[in-house]
């Protein structure tokens, strides 16, 4: 049989509340729709539901915007309190222009608005922050699945990022557990005998992007199973493997 990968959206998950057992809810939803998790699956979970479960949705009512946040927001539609939270969640500002903010988060991610947005959350005055430690979030879900079902799965936390030099956005991995997020071809020869010296594929990002085809943004499908991809198991997996070192960043 030729290689084949199947992607299955997980439906039937209720609105997530702080301190919910998200891993258990995903297991139940998989069983409920007749697609129980299997050993070797990759479970891709959207950042938004993880942030909800971890209490990373905040109300802006008590946020006092700084003078800088007021200045940046002037003439633009973003609430200055929202801008203030972007500044607080940023390690550094990469670029600001015409109300747009590209920042480096405390995780080391370079993204728009420190990964903060207000979509798919209830309330007109609330915003959602990234998880404090997305790898830890992934490990918790992986362990819950193991405890509840007895099967080993890899877990990816996905989020939607814009991309330099490319229009539109794509899902990427911001957390990982149980699998090597990279696939290296370095030291191998292609079919023509050419040695590969630098080719390393960000497979966690590719799996995250694939899952978005079934989760979407308006479908209320917060997670997906990727079945059939032969990932490399890794106990100490970390998304930091995908974060480029500053000394190798030519655009820093």
Protein backbone atom coordinates (compact mmCIF):
# COMPACT_ATOMS: atom_id res chain seq x y z
CA UNK A 1 0.00 0.00 0.00
CA UNK A 2 1.24 3.55 -0.73
CA UNK A 3 1.80 5.90 2.22
CA UNK A 4 -1.47 7.27 3.58
CA UNK A 5 -2.34 9.76 6.33
CA UNK A 6 -5.87 10.30 7.60
CA UNK A 7 -7.08 13.45 9.40
CA UNK A 8 -10.18 13.23 11.62
CA UNK A 9 -11.84 16.23 13.22
CA UNK A 10 -13.02 15.78 16.83
CA UNK A 11 -16.59 17.05 17.26
CA UNK A 12 -18.93 17.20 20.22
CA UNK A 13 -16.62 18.99 22.66
CA UNK A 14 -18.62 21.48 24.77
CA UNK A 15 -17.52 25.04 25.47
CA UNK A 16 -14.36 24.80 27.58
CA UNK A 17 -14.27 26.39 31.01
CA UNK A 18 -11.28 27.09 33.30
CA UNK A 19 -9.94 23.95 35.01
CA UNK A 20 -11.86 21.60 32.71
CA UNK A 21 -10.29 18.20 32.09
CA UNK A 22 -9.62 18.94 28.44
CA UNK A 23 -7.75 15.71 27.77
CA UNK A 24 -10.59 13.65 29.22
CA UNK A 25 -13.16 15.62 27.24
CA UNK A 26 -11.28 14.95 24.01
CA UNK A 27 -11.07 11.23 24.82
CA UNK A 28 -14.82 11.15 25.47
CA UNK A 29 -15.56 13.04 22.25
CA UNK A 30 -13.43 10.63 20.22
CA UNK A 31 -15.32 7.66 21.65
CA UNK A 32 -18.64 9.41 21.19
CA UNK A 33 -18.11 9.90 17.46
CA UNK A 34 -16.79 6.38 16.91
CA UNK A 35 -13.11 7.25 16.37
CA UNK A 36 -11.35 6.28 19.62
CA UNK A 37 -7.70 7.23 19.84
CA UNK A 38 -5.23 4.59 18.75
CA UNK A 39 -1.58 4.05 19.62
CA UNK A 40 0.58 6.04 17.23
CA UNK A 41 -2.01 8.75 16.58
CA UNK A 42 -1.03 12.39 16.64
CA UNK A 43 -3.57 14.43 18.58
CA UNK A 44 -3.51 18.06 17.43
CA UNK A 45 -5.24 20.42 19.85
CA UNK A 46 -5.91 24.06 19.06
CA UNK A 47 -4.33 26.60 21.37
CA UNK A 48 -7.60 28.38 22.07
CA UNK A 49 -9.24 25.50 23.98
CA UNK A 50 -6.05 24.86 25.95
CA UNK A 51 -5.87 28.52 26.94
CA UNK A 52 -9.52 28.41 28.00
CA UNK A 53 -8.94 25.34 30.18
CA UNK A 54 -5.83 26.90 31.72
CA UNK A 55 -7.54 30.18 32.59
CA UNK A 56 -5.67 32.25 30.02
CA UNK A 57 -8.80 34.11 28.91
CA UNK A 58 -8.90 37.49 30.65
CA UNK A 59 -11.32 40.36 30.91
CA UNK A 60 -9.93 43.74 29.93
CA UNK A 61 -12.03 45.61 32.47
CA UNK A 62 -9.25 45.81 35.06
CA UNK A 63 -6.37 46.48 32.64
CA UNK A 64 -4.84 49.97 32.76
CA UNK A 65 -3.13 50.82 29.46
CA UNK A 66 0.29 52.40 29.65
CA UNK A 67 1.22 55.60 27.83
CA UNK A 68 2.97 53.49 25.17
CA UNK A 69 -0.12 51.34 24.65
CA UNK A 70 -2.27 54.45 24.26
CA UNK A 71 0.18 55.92 21.76
CA UNK A 72 0.39 52.73 19.68
CA UNK A 73 -3.39 52.33 19.61
CA UNK A 74 -4.19 55.93 18.67
CA UNK A 75 -5.93 56.07 15.30
CA UNK A 76 -6.38 52.30 15.12
CA UNK A 77 -9.29 50.06 16.04
CA UNK A 78 -7.50 47.97 18.70
CA UNK A 79 -8.50 48.63 22.30
CA UNK A 80 -5.51 50.20 24.15
CA UNK A 81 -6.01 47.65 26.93
CA UNK A 82 -5.57 44.88 24.37
CA UNK A 83 -2.38 46.59 23.21
CA UNK A 84 -1.19 46.77 26.80
CA UNK A 85 -1.55 43.00 27.17
CA UNK A 86 0.41 42.48 23.95
CA UNK A 87 3.25 44.51 25.44
CA UNK A 88 3.11 42.56 28.72
CA UNK A 89 3.19 39.20 26.92
CA UNK A 90 6.17 40.22 24.74
CA UNK A 91 9.83 39.65 25.42
CA UNK A 92 10.69 42.23 22.77
CA UNK A 93 9.01 44.17 19.98
CA UNK A 94 10.29 43.05 16.58
CA UNK A 95 8.45 45.65 14.50
CA UNK A 96 5.61 48.13 14.90
CA UNK A 97 3.97 49.98 12.03
CA UNK A 98 0.51 51.44 11.40
CA UNK A 99 -0.91 49.78 14.48
CA UNK A 100 0.53 46.38 13.66
CA UNK A 101 2.77 44.74 16.24
CA UNK A 102 5.14 41.86 15.58
CA UNK A 103 6.66 40.70 18.83
CA UNK A 104 8.72 37.93 20.34
CA UNK A 105 6.81 36.15 23.08
CA UNK A 106 8.34 34.83 26.28
CA UNK A 107 8.30 31.39 24.60
CA UNK A 108 10.56 32.71 21.83
CA UNK A 109 7.85 32.79 19.12
CA UNK A 110 7.90 35.69 16.67
CA UNK A 111 4.28 36.43 15.80
CA UNK A 112 1.62 39.10 15.50
CA UNK A 113 0.32 40.62 18.73
CA UNK A 114 2.15 38.15 21.00
CA UNK A 115 -0.34 35.50 19.87
CA UNK A 116 -3.23 37.32 21.60
CA UNK A 117 -6.64 37.57 19.96
CA UNK A 118 -10.33 37.84 20.75
CA UNK A 119 -11.83 35.32 18.33
CA UNK A 120 -13.88 32.29 19.41
CA UNK A 121 -14.20 33.43 23.01
CA UNK A 122 -17.39 34.66 24.70
CA UNK A 123 -17.77 38.28 25.74
CA UNK A 124 -16.98 41.53 23.99
CA UNK A 125 -14.33 42.60 26.48
CA UNK A 126 -12.23 39.44 26.69
CA UNK A 127 -9.03 38.29 25.04
CA UNK A 128 -7.14 35.01 24.94
CA UNK A 129 -3.43 34.66 25.77
CA UNK A 130 -1.13 31.84 24.74
CA UNK A 131 -0.54 29.06 27.28
CA UNK A 132 2.32 29.80 29.67
CA UNK A 133 4.11 26.57 28.66
CA UNK A 134 2.63 24.89 25.59
CA UNK A 135 4.93 21.87 25.88
CA UNK A 136 3.67 21.26 29.41
CA UNK A 137 0.09 21.60 28.16
CA UNK A 138 0.78 18.94 25.52
CA UNK A 139 2.38 16.61 28.08
CA UNK A 140 -0.64 16.84 30.38
CA UNK A 141 -3.03 15.88 27.58
CA UNK A 142 -0.76 13.05 26.47
CA UNK A 143 -0.69 11.64 30.01
CA UNK A 144 -4.47 11.94 30.42
CA UNK A 145 -4.96 10.01 27.17
CA UNK A 146 -2.55 7.33 28.41
CA UNK A 147 -4.29 7.08 31.78
CA UNK A 148 -7.79 6.97 30.30
CA UNK A 149 -7.22 4.71 27.28
CA UNK A 150 -3.89 2.95 27.75
CA UNK A 151 -2.64 4.13 24.33
CA UNK A 152 0.38 6.27 23.54
CA UNK A 153 -0.21 9.25 21.32
CA UNK A 154 1.84 12.27 20.37
CA UNK A 155 0.27 15.66 21.09
CA UNK A 156 0.72 18.92 19.21
CA UNK A 157 -0.61 22.30 20.32
CA UNK A 158 -1.47 24.33 17.22
CA UNK A 159 -1.99 28.03 16.57
CA UNK A 160 -2.43 30.22 13.52
CA UNK A 161 0.50 32.44 12.60
CA UNK A 162 1.14 34.80 9.75
CA UNK A 163 4.28 34.18 7.69
CA UNK A 164 6.99 36.54 6.43
CA UNK A 165 6.94 37.02 2.66
CA UNK A 166 3.68 35.07 2.27
CA UNK A 167 0.09 36.31 2.32
CA UNK A 168 -2.47 34.71 4.65
CA UNK A 169 -1.86 32.53 7.68
CA UNK A 170 -1.18 28.87 8.42
CA UNK A 171 -1.32 26.67 11.48
CA UNK A 172 1.97 25.91 13.20
CA UNK A 173 2.96 23.92 16.27
CA UNK A 174 3.55 25.90 19.46
CA UNK A 175 3.78 22.89 21.78
CA UNK A 176 4.63 19.22 21.41
CA UNK A 177 4.83 16.03 23.45
CA UNK A 178 5.83 12.50 22.57
CA UNK A 179 7.34 13.08 19.14
CA UNK A 180 10.36 14.66 17.51
CA UNK A 181 9.03 17.88 15.94
CA UNK A 182 11.78 17.70 13.33
CA UNK A 183 12.64 15.20 10.61
CA UNK A 184 16.29 15.42 9.57
CA UNK A 185 17.65 14.21 6.26
CA UNK A 186 21.15 15.46 7.02
CA UNK A 187 23.77 12.88 6.06
CA UNK A 188 21.44 10.93 3.78
CA UNK A 189 21.66 10.58 0.01
CA UNK A 190 18.83 11.18 -2.42
CA UNK A 191 18.00 8.76 -5.26
CA UNK A 192 20.67 10.41 -7.43
CA UNK A 193 23.42 10.03 -4.84
CA UNK A 194 23.42 13.68 -3.75
CA UNK A 195 24.28 14.15 -0.09
CA UNK A 196 21.89 16.26 1.99
CA UNK A 197 23.67 18.68 4.30
CA UNK A 198 21.01 21.03 5.64
CA UNK A 199 17.53 19.58 4.96
CA UNK A 200 15.46 19.36 8.15
CA UNK A 201 11.66 19.32 7.91
CA UNK A 202 9.42 20.89 10.57
CA UNK A 203 6.99 17.96 10.66
CA UNK A 204 5.16 19.26 13.74
CA UNK A 205 4.29 22.41 11.80
CA UNK A 206 3.19 20.35 8.80
CA UNK A 207 0.92 18.19 10.97
CA UNK A 208 -0.51 21.29 12.65
CA UNK A 209 -1.24 22.84 9.26
CA UNK A 210 -2.85 19.62 8.04
CA UNK A 211 -5.17 19.50 11.04
CA UNK A 212 -6.53 22.97 10.28
CA UNK A 213 -8.17 21.57 7.16
CA UNK A 214 -10.71 19.84 9.41
CA UNK A 215 -10.75 22.11 12.47
CA UNK A 216 -11.21 25.40 10.64
CA UNK A 217 -12.06 28.61 12.49
CA UNK A 218 -15.85 28.52 12.58
CA UNK A 219 -16.61 24.80 12.78
CA UNK A 220 -16.40 24.30 16.58
CA UNK A 221 -13.93 21.46 16.00
CA UNK A 222 -11.16 22.12 18.57
CA UNK A 223 -8.87 19.19 17.82
CA UNK A 224 -8.00 16.56 15.24
CA UNK A 225 -6.50 13.11 15.02
CA UNK A 226 -3.75 12.60 12.45
CA UNK A 227 -3.58 8.86 11.86
CA UNK A 228 -0.94 6.99 9.89
CA UNK A 229 2.02 9.37 10.13
CA UNK A 230 5.12 7.44 11.32
CA UNK A 231 6.56 10.05 13.67
CA UNK A 232 9.72 9.50 15.70
CA UNK A 233 8.80 9.03 19.39
CA UNK A 234 10.67 11.34 21.76
CA UNK A 235 10.25 11.49 25.53
CA UNK A 236 11.81 14.92 26.05
CA UNK A 237 10.27 16.62 23.01
CA UNK A 238 10.12 20.40 23.06
CA UNK A 239 8.88 23.03 20.66
CA UNK A 240 12.11 24.92 21.32
CA UNK A 241 13.67 22.69 18.66
CA UNK A 242 11.69 24.76 16.15
CA UNK A 243 12.71 28.15 17.57
CA UNK A 244 15.67 29.54 15.63
CA UNK A 245 18.64 30.59 17.75
CA UNK A 246 19.10 34.38 17.75
CA UNK A 247 22.70 34.03 16.52
CA UNK A 248 21.43 32.21 13.42
CA UNK A 249 18.63 34.65 12.68
CA UNK A 250 19.74 36.79 9.74
CA UNK A 251 16.71 39.09 10.10
CA UNK A 252 17.02 39.86 13.79
